[in-house]
Protein backbone atom coordinates (compact mmCIF):
# COMPACT_ATOMS: atom_id res chain seq x y z
CA MET A 1 -18.77 -26.26 -11.83
CA SER A 2 -16.70 -25.15 -8.84
CA ILE A 3 -12.96 -25.74 -8.62
CA GLU A 4 -12.55 -28.46 -6.01
CA ILE A 5 -8.83 -29.16 -5.86
CA GLY A 6 -5.62 -27.23 -6.36
CA ILE A 7 -2.36 -28.75 -7.57
CA ILE A 8 1.09 -27.19 -7.21
CA GLY A 9 3.63 -28.72 -9.55
CA GLY A 10 7.25 -28.57 -8.42
CA SER A 11 10.53 -29.22 -10.22
CA GLY A 12 9.84 -31.37 -13.27
CA LEU A 13 6.05 -31.19 -12.96
CA TYR A 14 5.14 -28.20 -15.08
CA ASP A 15 1.87 -29.51 -16.46
CA MET A 16 -0.83 -32.13 -15.92
CA ALA A 17 -1.17 -34.27 -19.05
CA GLU A 18 -4.68 -35.55 -18.28
CA LEU A 19 -6.23 -32.08 -17.88
CA THR A 20 -9.02 -31.40 -20.38
CA ASP A 21 -11.24 -28.37 -21.04
CA ARG A 22 -8.31 -26.15 -20.21
CA GLU A 23 -8.29 -22.43 -19.68
CA GLU A 24 -5.70 -20.13 -18.17
CA LYS A 25 -6.74 -17.73 -15.45
CA THR A 26 -4.62 -14.86 -14.17
CA VAL A 27 -5.38 -13.91 -10.56
CA ALA A 28 -4.47 -10.52 -9.12
CA THR A 29 -3.67 -10.51 -5.40
CA PRO A 30 -2.88 -7.84 -2.77
CA PHE A 31 0.51 -9.54 -2.40
CA GLY A 32 1.62 -9.28 -6.02
CA ASP A 33 1.67 -11.82 -8.81
CA PRO A 34 1.55 -15.61 -8.36
CA SER A 35 4.16 -17.74 -10.12
CA GLY A 36 2.08 -17.65 -13.28
CA PRO A 37 -1.46 -18.13 -14.57
CA TYR A 38 -3.49 -20.94 -13.05
CA VAL A 39 -4.45 -23.66 -15.51
CA ILE A 40 -8.08 -24.57 -14.89
CA GLY A 41 -9.27 -27.88 -16.28
CA THR A 42 -11.11 -31.13 -15.71
CA LEU A 43 -9.31 -34.11 -14.17
CA ARG A 44 -11.13 -37.35 -13.39
CA GLY A 45 -14.45 -35.53 -13.67
CA LYS A 46 -13.52 -32.74 -11.26
CA ARG A 47 -12.53 -29.15 -11.89
CA VAL A 48 -9.01 -28.44 -10.69
CA ALA A 49 -6.56 -25.55 -10.73
CA PHE A 50 -2.89 -26.23 -11.52
CA LEU A 51 0.01 -23.88 -10.83
CA ALA A 52 3.64 -24.44 -11.83
CA ARG A 53 5.44 -23.37 -8.65
CA HIS A 54 8.62 -22.11 -10.32
CA GLY A 55 6.89 -20.51 -13.30
CA VAL A 56 6.95 -21.42 -16.97
CA GLY A 57 10.46 -22.64 -17.83
CA HIS A 58 11.46 -22.92 -14.15
CA ARG A 59 12.56 -19.28 -13.69
CA ILE A 60 11.87 -18.61 -9.98
CA LEU A 61 14.25 -19.59 -7.19
CA PRO A 62 12.73 -21.11 -4.01
CA SER A 63 13.71 -17.96 -2.08
CA GLU A 64 12.02 -15.78 -4.70
CA LEU A 65 8.65 -17.53 -4.66
CA ASN A 66 5.67 -15.34 -3.82
CA PHE A 67 4.08 -17.91 -1.52
CA ARG A 68 1.35 -15.55 -0.33
CA ALA A 69 0.20 -14.73 -3.84
CA ASN A 70 0.23 -18.39 -4.89
CA ILE A 71 -1.94 -19.58 -1.99
CA TYR A 72 -4.19 -16.51 -2.06
CA GLY A 73 -4.89 -17.20 -5.73
CA PHE A 74 -6.03 -20.74 -4.95
CA LYS A 75 -8.29 -19.37 -2.19
CA VAL A 76 -9.88 -16.84 -4.56
CA LEU A 77 -10.52 -19.63 -7.06
CA GLY A 78 -12.45 -21.54 -4.37
CA VAL A 79 -9.93 -24.33 -3.75
CA GLU A 80 -10.44 -26.23 -0.49
CA ARG A 81 -7.87 -29.01 -0.95
CA LEU A 82 -4.34 -28.50 -2.24
CA ILE A 83 -1.92 -31.24 -3.33
CA SER A 84 1.70 -30.22 -3.73
CA ALA A 85 4.42 -32.13 -5.57
CA SER A 86 7.99 -31.36 -4.60
CA ALA A 87 11.44 -32.74 -5.43
CA VAL A 88 13.43 -33.73 -2.32
CA GLY A 89 16.67 -35.31 -1.27
CA SER A 90 16.59 -38.38 0.98
CA LEU A 91 18.17 -38.41 4.42
CA LYS A 92 17.62 -42.14 5.01
CA HIS A 93 18.84 -45.28 3.25
CA GLU A 94 15.33 -46.70 3.00
CA TYR A 95 13.97 -43.69 1.08
CA ARG A 96 15.41 -44.40 -2.34
CA PRO A 97 15.47 -42.22 -5.44
CA LEU A 98 12.09 -42.43 -7.24
CA ASP A 99 10.27 -43.26 -3.97
CA ILE A 100 7.49 -40.97 -2.73
CA VAL A 101 7.32 -39.73 0.85
CA VAL A 102 4.08 -38.23 2.17
CA PRO A 103 5.40 -36.32 5.21
CA ASP A 104 3.41 -35.36 8.27
CA GLN A 105 5.92 -32.89 9.77
CA PHE A 106 8.19 -29.99 8.80
CA PHE A 107 11.38 -28.56 10.24
CA ASP A 108 12.18 -24.96 9.31
CA ARG A 109 15.67 -24.00 8.16
CA THR A 110 14.62 -21.00 6.05
CA LYS A 111 15.69 -17.43 6.64
CA GLY A 112 13.32 -14.49 6.55
CA ARG A 113 10.66 -15.80 4.20
CA ILE A 114 7.23 -14.21 4.54
CA SER A 115 4.90 -17.01 5.57
CA THR A 116 1.79 -15.35 6.97
CA PHE A 117 -1.11 -13.35 5.59
CA PHE A 118 -1.43 -11.52 8.88
CA GLY A 119 0.07 -8.30 10.16
CA ARG A 120 -0.86 -4.76 9.09
CA GLY A 121 -3.13 -4.37 12.12
CA LEU A 122 -4.46 -7.92 12.29
CA VAL A 123 -2.97 -10.56 14.59
CA ALA A 124 -3.75 -14.28 14.33
CA HIS A 125 -1.96 -17.38 15.57
CA ILE A 126 -3.03 -20.66 13.99
CA ALA A 127 -2.36 -24.07 15.51
CA PHE A 128 0.35 -25.79 13.49
CA ALA A 129 1.40 -28.82 15.55
CA HIS A 130 0.18 -31.03 12.71
CA PRO A 131 1.12 -28.98 9.65
CA LEU A 132 -0.28 -31.28 6.96
CA CYS A 133 -3.87 -32.42 6.53
CA ALA A 134 -4.05 -36.05 7.69
CA ASP A 135 -7.13 -36.77 5.57
CA LEU A 136 -5.70 -35.42 2.33
CA SER A 137 -2.29 -36.97 3.05
CA LYS A 138 -3.91 -40.40 3.39
CA ILE A 139 -5.69 -39.94 0.05
CA ALA A 140 -2.37 -38.92 -1.56
CA ALA A 141 -0.47 -41.87 -0.08
CA ASP A 142 -3.20 -44.35 -1.04
CA ALA A 143 -3.15 -42.94 -4.57
CA ALA A 144 0.64 -43.30 -4.83
CA GLN A 145 0.37 -46.90 -3.69
CA GLN A 146 -2.42 -47.58 -6.18
CA VAL A 147 -0.32 -46.42 -9.15
CA GLY A 148 2.56 -48.66 -8.10
CA ALA A 149 4.92 -46.19 -6.47
CA THR A 150 6.97 -47.10 -3.42
CA VAL A 151 5.39 -44.82 -0.84
CA HIS A 152 6.41 -43.96 2.72
CA ARG A 153 3.72 -42.58 5.02
CA GLY A 154 4.78 -39.90 7.46
CA GLY A 155 8.16 -38.36 8.14
CA THR A 156 9.74 -34.94 8.57
CA TYR A 157 10.56 -32.66 5.65
CA VAL A 158 13.46 -30.29 6.39
CA ASN A 159 12.79 -27.04 4.55
CA MET A 160 16.18 -25.47 3.81
CA GLU A 161 16.76 -22.04 2.25
CA GLY A 162 18.82 -22.98 -0.80
CA PRO A 163 19.43 -22.52 -3.63
CA GLN A 164 22.66 -24.33 -2.79
CA PHE A 165 22.39 -27.93 -1.64
CA SER A 166 23.45 -28.89 1.90
CA THR A 167 26.99 -29.02 3.20
CA LEU A 168 28.09 -32.46 4.36
CA ALA A 169 28.03 -31.23 7.99
CA GLU A 170 24.45 -30.03 7.64
CA SER A 171 23.34 -33.24 5.96
CA LYS A 172 24.90 -35.36 8.70
CA LEU A 173 23.29 -33.18 11.38
CA TYR A 174 19.81 -33.56 9.87
CA ARG A 175 20.30 -37.33 9.82
CA SER A 176 21.38 -37.32 13.47
CA TRP A 177 18.16 -35.46 14.28
CA GLY A 178 16.10 -38.18 12.61
CA MET A 179 14.91 -36.04 9.70
CA ASP A 180 13.64 -37.86 6.60
CA VAL A 181 13.76 -35.72 3.45
CA ILE A 182 15.03 -32.27 2.54
CA GLY A 183 13.59 -29.69 0.14
CA MET A 184 13.33 -25.93 -0.39
CA THR A 185 9.67 -25.00 -0.85
CA ASN A 186 6.83 -26.66 1.02
CA LEU A 187 6.75 -25.25 4.57
CA GLN A 188 5.62 -21.75 3.64
CA GLU A 189 2.89 -23.21 1.43
CA ALA A 190 1.65 -25.34 4.31
CA LYS A 191 1.59 -22.41 6.75
CA LEU A 192 -0.31 -20.16 4.37
CA ALA A 193 -2.71 -22.92 3.32
CA ARG A 194 -3.57 -23.50 6.98
CA GLU A 195 -4.19 -19.77 7.50
CA ALA A 196 -6.42 -19.82 4.43
CA GLU A 197 -8.26 -22.90 5.79
CA ILE A 198 -7.16 -25.00 2.82
CA CYS A 199 -6.22 -28.67 3.33
CA TYR A 200 -2.63 -29.25 2.23
CA ALA A 201 -0.67 -32.43 1.50
CA THR A 202 2.80 -32.98 0.04
CA LEU A 203 4.03 -35.62 -2.37
CA ALA A 204 7.78 -35.49 -1.70
CA LEU A 205 9.41 -37.03 -4.76
CA VAL A 206 12.86 -38.39 -3.96
CA THR A 207 15.40 -37.49 -6.65
CA ASP A 208 18.64 -38.38 -4.84
CA TYR A 209 20.28 -39.19 -1.56
CA ASP A 210 21.50 -35.98 -0.01
CA CYS A 211 25.28 -35.51 0.15
CA TRP A 212 25.64 -37.63 3.33
CA HIS A 213 25.53 -40.72 1.10
CA PRO A 214 29.01 -41.73 -0.17
CA ASP A 215 27.65 -42.29 -3.69
CA HIS A 216 25.84 -38.93 -3.72
CA ASP A 217 28.36 -36.61 -2.10
CA SER A 218 28.37 -34.47 -5.21
CA VAL A 219 24.73 -34.06 -6.11
CA THR A 220 24.44 -32.91 -9.72
CA VAL A 221 21.58 -31.26 -11.53
CA ASP A 222 21.96 -33.83 -14.35
CA LEU A 223 21.28 -36.71 -11.96
CA ILE A 224 18.36 -34.88 -10.42
CA ILE A 225 16.81 -33.93 -13.77
CA SER A 226 16.92 -37.55 -14.93
CA ASN A 227 15.05 -38.68 -11.83
CA LEU A 228 12.73 -35.67 -11.98
CA MET A 229 11.40 -36.77 -15.33
CA GLN A 230 10.58 -40.23 -14.01
CA ASN A 231 9.15 -38.75 -10.83
CA ALA A 232 6.97 -36.33 -12.78
CA ALA A 233 5.28 -39.16 -14.66
CA THR A 234 4.59 -40.99 -11.39
CA ALA A 235 3.39 -37.77 -9.76
CA GLN A 236 0.94 -37.09 -12.57
CA ARG A 237 -0.60 -40.54 -12.21
CA THR A 238 -0.67 -40.22 -8.42
CA ILE A 239 -2.31 -36.80 -8.47
CA ALA A 240 -4.92 -37.91 -10.99
CA GLU A 241 -5.72 -40.94 -8.81
CA ALA A 242 -5.90 -38.74 -5.70
CA VAL A 243 -8.26 -36.30 -7.38
CA GLY A 244 -10.50 -39.19 -8.34
CA ARG A 245 -10.57 -40.38 -4.72
CA THR A 246 -11.42 -36.97 -3.27
CA SER A 247 -15.08 -36.15 -2.71
CA GLY A 248 -17.56 -34.85 -0.19
CA ALA A 249 -17.46 -32.17 2.45
CA ARG A 250 -14.37 -31.82 4.58
CA THR A 251 -14.47 -33.08 8.16
CA CYS A 252 -10.89 -32.18 9.19
CA ALA A 253 -9.87 -29.26 11.39
CA CYS A 254 -8.26 -27.41 8.47
CA LYS A 255 -11.62 -26.00 7.41
CA ASP A 256 -11.97 -24.04 10.67
CA ALA A 257 -8.32 -23.25 11.38
CA LEU A 258 -8.98 -19.53 11.90
CA ALA A 259 -12.02 -19.95 14.14
CA THR A 260 -10.02 -19.50 17.34
CA ALA A 261 -6.88 -17.93 15.87
CA ILE A 262 -7.77 -14.26 15.35
CA ILE A 263 -6.92 -12.12 18.37
CA THR A 264 -7.52 -8.58 17.11
CA GLN A 265 -11.01 -7.21 17.72
CA PRO A 266 -12.81 -6.93 14.36
CA ALA A 267 -13.69 -3.27 14.94
CA LEU A 268 -9.99 -2.43 15.27
CA VAL A 269 -8.80 -4.16 12.08
CA PRO A 270 -7.84 -1.55 9.44
CA ALA A 271 -10.32 -1.35 6.58
CA GLN A 272 -7.68 -2.00 3.91
CA THR A 273 -6.48 -5.15 5.68
CA LYS A 274 -10.09 -6.36 5.90
CA ARG A 275 -10.55 -5.76 2.18
CA ASP A 276 -7.29 -7.42 1.20
CA LEU A 277 -7.94 -10.52 3.30
CA ALA A 278 -11.70 -10.75 2.70
CA PRO A 279 -11.47 -14.15 0.93
CA ILE A 280 -9.69 -15.56 4.00
CA ILE A 281 -11.17 -13.72 7.01
CA GLY A 282 -14.51 -12.50 5.65
CA LYS A 283 -16.64 -14.99 7.58
CA TYR A 284 -14.99 -13.97 10.85
CA MET A 285 -15.28 -10.19 10.36
CA GLN A 286 -19.05 -9.71 10.33
């Protein structure tokens, strides 16, 4: 039975309680080690692969994550749809702690993170105007609504570097720009998933108002952990519901994202690069 869906668990979501027939699978990649072994199991009658983004025991900083290895591993396992859960701070009054936002845009505030599989003699430029899969995002939002969460459809996720939280000046600036939520991890995953022709959607789990809010000007880990635990339970139910709603062949543009993106002539691509990226570019390098 093929693995149909990948799940990336963020802060607080280190496991999927409903997973049965479990096995751990370690995947070697040309980019180094993923955050940990992938947990393969059955969820709502489908085979899925789960990865704890920050490793067992939450040991990996956002800036230290090996995004390429994590996404490459899902690709090797055969994953075509990837649901990510991520803790975020809210930049708007109406997005309250414990709400779920399913964003449709990103704004990049990271510094120097590697977020492409390409290079080393191979040039490709994917379209990224719409960085999240609309089809999978709708399934995720519908699932969140079904399990009783307060869900907001659409919005912009500011991806900051961290690990420190925002300054008050930064938080106020993001609000003045009309940004919606702020986190530290999802943009690089979305870029790499698109390059790998994997559909990607984010469940942004609101843990707190960012420091712009007078009651949250000193965001503490204790407050966030308390909300994380509640969010994790909601996220598990939402993801299980989303997996149950996902079926059939993909019709979105994600599945062919590389079709018009590769610029380098196949004959000029170095052999090692071809071998390393075979799971991603193989069908275009005949």
